[in-house]
N, C-alpha and C. Protein backbone atom coordinates (compact mmCIF):
# COMPACT_ATOMS: atom_id res chain seq x y z
N MET A 1 -37.99 13.09 -123.70
CA MET A 1 -39.12 13.16 -124.61
C MET A 1 -39.90 14.45 -124.36
N THR A 2 -40.18 15.16 -125.42
CA THR A 2 -40.92 16.40 -125.34
C THR A 2 -42.41 16.12 -125.31
N GLU A 3 -43.10 16.85 -124.45
CA GLU A 3 -44.55 16.69 -124.36
C GLU A 3 -45.22 17.54 -125.44
N LEU A 4 -46.31 17.05 -125.95
CA LEU A 4 -47.05 17.78 -126.98
C LEU A 4 -47.83 18.93 -126.37
N PHE A 5 -48.50 18.67 -125.25
CA PHE A 5 -49.37 19.68 -124.65
C PHE A 5 -48.77 20.23 -123.36
N ALA A 6 -48.99 21.50 -123.14
CA ALA A 6 -48.56 22.13 -121.89
C ALA A 6 -49.36 21.55 -120.73
N ARG A 7 -48.75 21.58 -119.55
CA ARG A 7 -49.42 21.15 -118.33
C ARG A 7 -49.75 22.40 -117.53
N LEU A 8 -50.93 22.40 -116.91
CA LEU A 8 -51.41 23.59 -116.21
C LEU A 8 -51.34 23.45 -114.70
N TYR A 9 -51.07 24.58 -114.07
CA TYR A 9 -51.13 24.71 -112.61
C TYR A 9 -52.10 25.85 -112.34
N LEU A 10 -53.21 25.56 -111.67
CA LEU A 10 -54.21 26.56 -111.34
C LEU A 10 -53.95 27.07 -109.92
N ASP A 11 -53.73 28.38 -109.79
CA ASP A 11 -53.53 28.90 -108.45
C ASP A 11 -54.85 28.96 -107.71
N GLU A 12 -54.81 29.37 -106.47
CA GLU A 12 -56.00 29.30 -105.63
C GLU A 12 -57.04 30.38 -105.94
N ASN A 13 -56.76 31.28 -106.89
CA ASN A 13 -57.73 32.29 -107.29
C ASN A 13 -58.78 31.75 -108.25
N LEU A 14 -58.57 30.54 -108.75
CA LEU A 14 -59.49 29.96 -109.73
C LEU A 14 -60.40 28.94 -109.06
N PRO A 15 -61.61 28.78 -109.59
CA PRO A 15 -62.53 27.78 -109.01
C PRO A 15 -61.96 26.37 -109.16
N ILE A 16 -62.02 25.59 -108.12
CA ILE A 16 -61.46 24.24 -108.10
C ILE A 16 -62.13 23.34 -109.14
N VAL A 17 -63.37 23.63 -109.49
CA VAL A 17 -64.11 22.82 -110.47
C VAL A 17 -63.50 22.93 -111.87
N LEU A 18 -62.69 23.95 -112.12
CA LEU A 18 -62.07 24.13 -113.43
C LEU A 18 -61.12 22.98 -113.77
N ALA A 19 -60.39 22.47 -112.79
CA ALA A 19 -59.41 21.41 -113.05
C ALA A 19 -60.05 20.16 -113.65
N PRO A 20 -61.08 19.58 -113.04
CA PRO A 20 -61.66 18.38 -113.66
C PRO A 20 -62.32 18.64 -115.00
N MET A 21 -62.77 19.86 -115.24
CA MET A 21 -63.36 20.19 -116.53
C MET A 21 -62.31 20.09 -117.64
N ILE A 22 -61.10 20.52 -117.34
CA ILE A 22 -60.02 20.47 -118.34
C ILE A 22 -59.43 19.06 -118.41
N GLN A 23 -59.31 18.41 -117.27
CA GLN A 23 -58.81 17.02 -117.25
C GLN A 23 -59.72 16.10 -118.06
N ALA A 24 -61.02 16.34 -118.01
CA ALA A 24 -61.97 15.51 -118.75
C ALA A 24 -61.76 15.61 -120.26
N ARG A 25 -61.06 16.63 -120.68
CA ARG A 25 -60.77 16.81 -122.11
C ARG A 25 -59.37 16.28 -122.46
N GLY A 26 -58.75 15.60 -121.49
CA GLY A 26 -57.50 14.90 -121.76
C GLY A 26 -56.23 15.66 -121.45
N PHE A 27 -56.32 16.77 -120.74
CA PHE A 27 -55.13 17.57 -120.44
C PHE A 27 -54.72 17.41 -118.98
N PHE A 28 -53.43 17.59 -118.72
CA PHE A 28 -52.90 17.53 -117.36
C PHE A 28 -53.15 18.87 -116.67
N VAL A 29 -53.74 18.79 -115.49
CA VAL A 29 -53.98 19.99 -114.68
C VAL A 29 -53.75 19.61 -113.23
N THR A 30 -53.04 20.48 -112.52
CA THR A 30 -52.95 20.36 -111.08
C THR A 30 -53.33 21.70 -110.47
N THR A 31 -53.56 21.70 -109.18
CA THR A 31 -54.02 22.92 -108.51
C THR A 31 -53.18 23.21 -107.27
N ALA A 32 -53.27 24.44 -106.81
CA ALA A 32 -52.59 24.80 -105.56
C ALA A 32 -53.09 23.90 -104.44
N HIS A 33 -54.36 23.60 -104.44
CA HIS A 33 -54.94 22.73 -103.41
C HIS A 33 -54.33 21.34 -103.48
N ALA A 34 -54.27 20.75 -104.67
CA ALA A 34 -53.73 19.39 -104.83
C ALA A 34 -52.25 19.31 -104.47
N GLU A 35 -51.53 20.40 -104.67
CA GLU A 35 -50.10 20.42 -104.40
C GLU A 35 -49.77 20.90 -102.99
N GLY A 36 -50.79 21.14 -102.18
CA GLY A 36 -50.56 21.58 -100.80
C GLY A 36 -50.05 23.00 -100.68
N LEU A 37 -50.42 23.84 -101.63
CA LEU A 37 -49.90 25.21 -101.65
C LEU A 37 -50.96 26.28 -101.36
N LEU A 38 -52.08 25.88 -100.76
CA LEU A 38 -53.06 26.89 -100.38
C LEU A 38 -52.44 27.85 -99.39
N GLY A 39 -52.64 29.13 -99.61
CA GLY A 39 -52.08 30.15 -98.71
C GLY A 39 -50.66 30.55 -99.06
N ALA A 40 -50.06 29.92 -100.05
CA ALA A 40 -48.70 30.30 -100.46
C ALA A 40 -48.73 31.69 -101.09
N VAL A 41 -47.62 32.39 -101.01
CA VAL A 41 -47.53 33.70 -101.65
C VAL A 41 -47.32 33.52 -103.15
N ASP A 42 -47.68 34.54 -103.91
CA ASP A 42 -47.64 34.44 -105.37
C ASP A 42 -46.27 34.05 -105.93
N PRO A 43 -45.16 34.61 -105.43
CA PRO A 43 -43.87 34.16 -105.96
C PRO A 43 -43.63 32.66 -105.77
N ASP A 44 -44.15 32.11 -104.68
CA ASP A 44 -43.99 30.67 -104.45
C ASP A 44 -44.83 29.85 -105.43
N HIS A 45 -46.02 30.34 -105.75
CA HIS A 45 -46.84 29.66 -106.76
C HIS A 45 -46.10 29.64 -108.11
N LEU A 46 -45.55 30.78 -108.49
CA LEU A 46 -44.86 30.86 -109.77
C LEU A 46 -43.59 30.01 -109.76
N GLN A 47 -42.86 30.03 -108.67
CA GLN A 47 -41.65 29.22 -108.58
C GLN A 47 -41.99 27.73 -108.66
N TYR A 48 -43.03 27.33 -107.98
CA TYR A 48 -43.44 25.93 -108.02
C TYR A 48 -43.83 25.53 -109.44
N ALA A 49 -44.66 26.35 -110.08
CA ALA A 49 -45.07 26.05 -111.44
C ALA A 49 -43.86 26.01 -112.38
N ALA A 50 -42.99 26.98 -112.26
CA ALA A 50 -41.81 27.03 -113.14
C ALA A 50 -40.90 25.82 -112.93
N SER A 51 -40.71 25.42 -111.68
CA SER A 51 -39.80 24.31 -111.40
C SER A 51 -40.35 22.97 -111.90
N HIS A 52 -41.65 22.89 -112.11
CA HIS A 52 -42.27 21.66 -112.62
C HIS A 52 -42.65 21.77 -114.11
N GLY A 53 -42.38 22.91 -114.71
CA GLY A 53 -42.72 23.10 -116.11
C GLY A 53 -44.20 23.31 -116.36
N TYR A 54 -44.92 23.75 -115.33
CA TYR A 54 -46.35 23.99 -115.46
C TYR A 54 -46.61 25.42 -115.90
N CYS A 55 -47.60 25.59 -116.73
CA CYS A 55 -48.09 26.91 -117.09
C CYS A 55 -49.06 27.35 -115.99
N LEU A 56 -48.78 28.47 -115.36
CA LEU A 56 -49.60 28.95 -114.25
C LEU A 56 -50.80 29.71 -114.79
N VAL A 57 -51.97 29.39 -114.27
CA VAL A 57 -53.21 30.07 -114.65
C VAL A 57 -53.77 30.76 -113.42
N THR A 58 -54.16 32.03 -113.57
CA THR A 58 -54.61 32.82 -112.44
C THR A 58 -55.60 33.90 -112.89
N HIS A 59 -56.34 34.44 -111.94
CA HIS A 59 -57.12 35.66 -112.16
C HIS A 59 -56.34 36.88 -111.66
N ASN A 60 -55.25 36.65 -110.96
CA ASN A 60 -54.51 37.70 -110.27
C ASN A 60 -53.58 38.44 -111.24
N ARG A 61 -54.14 39.36 -111.96
CA ARG A 61 -53.41 40.10 -112.99
C ARG A 61 -52.30 40.98 -112.40
N GLN A 62 -52.61 41.73 -111.38
CA GLN A 62 -51.68 42.72 -110.84
C GLN A 62 -50.35 42.09 -110.41
N HIS A 63 -50.40 41.07 -109.59
CA HIS A 63 -49.17 40.48 -109.06
C HIS A 63 -48.39 39.69 -110.10
N PHE A 64 -49.10 38.95 -110.95
CA PHE A 64 -48.39 38.07 -111.86
C PHE A 64 -47.81 38.79 -113.07
N ILE A 65 -48.34 39.92 -113.45
CA ILE A 65 -47.68 40.72 -114.49
C ILE A 65 -46.33 41.19 -113.95
N ARG A 66 -46.32 41.66 -112.73
CA ARG A 66 -45.06 42.12 -112.11
C ARG A 66 -44.09 40.96 -111.94
N LEU A 67 -44.58 39.82 -111.46
CA LEU A 67 -43.71 38.66 -111.28
C LEU A 67 -43.13 38.16 -112.61
N HIS A 68 -43.93 38.19 -113.64
CA HIS A 68 -43.45 37.82 -114.98
C HIS A 68 -42.30 38.75 -115.38
N ASN A 69 -42.53 40.06 -115.26
CA ASN A 69 -41.49 41.03 -115.64
C ASN A 69 -40.24 40.86 -114.80
N ASP A 70 -40.38 40.61 -113.51
CA ASP A 70 -39.23 40.41 -112.63
C ASP A 70 -38.42 39.19 -113.08
N ARG A 71 -39.09 38.08 -113.39
CA ARG A 71 -38.39 36.86 -113.82
C ARG A 71 -37.67 37.08 -115.15
N ILE A 72 -38.34 37.74 -116.09
CA ILE A 72 -37.73 37.99 -117.40
C ILE A 72 -36.50 38.87 -117.23
N ASN A 73 -36.63 39.93 -116.45
CA ASN A 73 -35.50 40.84 -116.22
C ASN A 73 -34.34 40.17 -115.51
N ALA A 74 -34.63 39.15 -114.71
CA ALA A 74 -33.59 38.41 -113.99
C ALA A 74 -33.04 37.24 -114.83
N GLY A 75 -33.57 37.07 -116.03
CA GLY A 75 -33.12 35.99 -116.89
C GLY A 75 -33.61 34.61 -116.47
N GLN A 76 -34.71 34.58 -115.71
CA GLN A 76 -35.28 33.31 -115.25
C GLN A 76 -36.42 32.91 -116.17
N ARG A 77 -36.54 31.60 -116.38
CA ARG A 77 -37.59 31.07 -117.24
C ARG A 77 -38.82 30.66 -116.43
N HIS A 78 -39.92 30.63 -117.12
CA HIS A 78 -41.14 30.02 -116.59
C HIS A 78 -41.92 29.47 -117.77
N ALA A 79 -42.87 28.60 -117.50
CA ALA A 79 -43.64 27.96 -118.57
C ALA A 79 -44.95 28.70 -118.81
N ASP A 80 -44.88 29.97 -118.96
CA ASP A 80 -46.00 30.85 -119.25
C ASP A 80 -46.88 31.11 -118.03
N ILE A 81 -47.48 32.26 -118.09
CA ILE A 81 -48.50 32.66 -117.14
C ILE A 81 -49.71 33.05 -117.97
N ILE A 82 -50.83 32.45 -117.66
CA ILE A 82 -52.08 32.81 -118.33
C ILE A 82 -52.94 33.55 -117.32
N ILE A 83 -53.25 34.77 -117.64
CA ILE A 83 -54.11 35.58 -116.78
C ILE A 83 -55.52 35.55 -117.37
N ALA A 84 -56.43 35.03 -116.60
CA ALA A 84 -57.81 34.85 -117.06
C ALA A 84 -58.66 36.02 -116.60
N PHE A 85 -59.24 36.70 -117.55
CA PHE A 85 -60.18 37.77 -117.24
C PHE A 85 -61.60 37.21 -117.17
N VAL A 86 -61.81 36.10 -117.84
CA VAL A 86 -63.12 35.46 -117.89
C VAL A 86 -63.44 34.84 -116.53
N ARG A 87 -64.63 35.08 -116.02
CA ARG A 87 -65.03 34.52 -114.73
C ARG A 87 -65.92 33.29 -114.89
N ASP A 88 -66.63 33.18 -116.01
CA ASP A 88 -67.49 32.03 -116.23
C ASP A 88 -66.62 30.79 -116.43
N VAL A 89 -66.76 29.80 -115.57
CA VAL A 89 -65.88 28.65 -115.56
C VAL A 89 -65.99 27.83 -116.84
N HIS A 90 -67.15 27.76 -117.45
CA HIS A 90 -67.32 27.00 -118.69
C HIS A 90 -66.62 27.69 -119.85
N VAL A 91 -66.77 28.99 -119.93
CA VAL A 91 -66.10 29.77 -120.98
C VAL A 91 -64.59 29.69 -120.77
N LEU A 92 -64.14 29.82 -119.54
CA LEU A 92 -62.72 29.75 -119.25
C LEU A 92 -62.14 28.38 -119.62
N ALA A 93 -62.84 27.31 -119.28
CA ALA A 93 -62.37 25.97 -119.64
C ALA A 93 -62.25 25.85 -121.15
N ASP A 94 -63.24 26.33 -121.88
CA ASP A 94 -63.20 26.26 -123.35
C ASP A 94 -62.01 27.05 -123.90
N ARG A 95 -61.78 28.22 -123.36
CA ARG A 95 -60.67 29.06 -123.86
C ARG A 95 -59.32 28.45 -123.52
N LEU A 96 -59.19 27.86 -122.34
CA LEU A 96 -57.93 27.21 -121.97
C LEU A 96 -57.66 26.01 -122.88
N VAL A 97 -58.66 25.20 -123.11
CA VAL A 97 -58.50 24.04 -123.99
C VAL A 97 -58.13 24.48 -125.40
N LYS A 98 -58.77 25.53 -125.88
CA LYS A 98 -58.43 26.06 -127.21
C LYS A 98 -56.96 26.49 -127.25
N ARG A 99 -56.52 27.18 -126.21
CA ARG A 99 -55.11 27.62 -126.14
C ARG A 99 -54.17 26.42 -126.10
N LEU A 100 -54.52 25.41 -125.31
CA LEU A 100 -53.68 24.21 -125.22
C LEU A 100 -53.59 23.48 -126.56
N ASN A 101 -54.65 23.55 -127.33
CA ASN A 101 -54.66 22.91 -128.64
C ASN A 101 -53.98 23.75 -129.72
N THR A 102 -53.73 25.01 -129.43
CA THR A 102 -53.14 25.93 -130.41
C THR A 102 -51.62 25.94 -130.35
N LEU A 103 -51.07 25.82 -129.16
CA LEU A 103 -49.61 25.88 -128.96
C LEU A 103 -49.10 24.54 -128.45
N THR A 104 -47.88 24.18 -128.83
CA THR A 104 -47.26 22.99 -128.26
C THR A 104 -46.67 23.35 -126.90
N ALA A 105 -46.32 22.35 -126.14
CA ALA A 105 -45.73 22.58 -124.82
C ALA A 105 -44.47 23.44 -124.92
N ASP A 106 -43.68 23.21 -125.96
CA ASP A 106 -42.43 23.98 -126.14
C ASP A 106 -42.67 25.46 -126.40
N GLU A 107 -43.86 25.80 -126.87
CA GLU A 107 -44.17 27.19 -127.15
C GLU A 107 -44.68 27.94 -125.92
N PHE A 108 -44.93 27.23 -124.84
CA PHE A 108 -45.37 27.84 -123.59
C PHE A 108 -44.14 28.17 -122.74
N VAL A 109 -43.37 29.15 -123.16
CA VAL A 109 -42.16 29.52 -122.41
C VAL A 109 -42.07 31.04 -122.33
N ASN A 110 -42.01 31.54 -121.11
CA ASN A 110 -41.75 32.95 -120.82
C ASN A 110 -42.76 33.92 -121.43
N GLN A 111 -43.95 33.46 -121.70
CA GLN A 111 -44.97 34.35 -122.22
C GLN A 111 -45.96 34.73 -121.14
N LEU A 112 -46.56 35.87 -121.34
CA LEU A 112 -47.65 36.32 -120.50
C LEU A 112 -48.86 36.39 -121.43
N LEU A 113 -49.81 35.48 -121.21
CA LEU A 113 -50.97 35.37 -122.08
C LEU A 113 -52.23 35.80 -121.33
N PHE A 114 -53.18 36.28 -122.08
CA PHE A 114 -54.43 36.75 -121.48
C PHE A 114 -55.61 36.05 -122.14
N LEU A 115 -56.56 35.61 -121.31
CA LEU A 115 -57.79 35.00 -121.79
C LEU A 115 -58.98 35.78 -121.27
């Protein structure tokens, strides 16, 4: 069965309070903290998210743009990377929810998105 909405994985660069803000709006969100991945290196965060079909959300633009390009060039899939430029947690939650409502889960594949 295909899911309608993408599921999010928030890396440790994002405020932990963001997860319950998005969950309260009915979306699935997990975090590096909840998954026991605090201190993991960025490729491990992306691999974990990709292996579970989670869209990874981060503030870490530099590393994840490179990791995205490396995966695409190697023919590996991931369920999108969203790079958040917004620091205000309320604005970020609103923008993430809007994005989740705009695309289906199937459309969150191998893209690099910016908020």
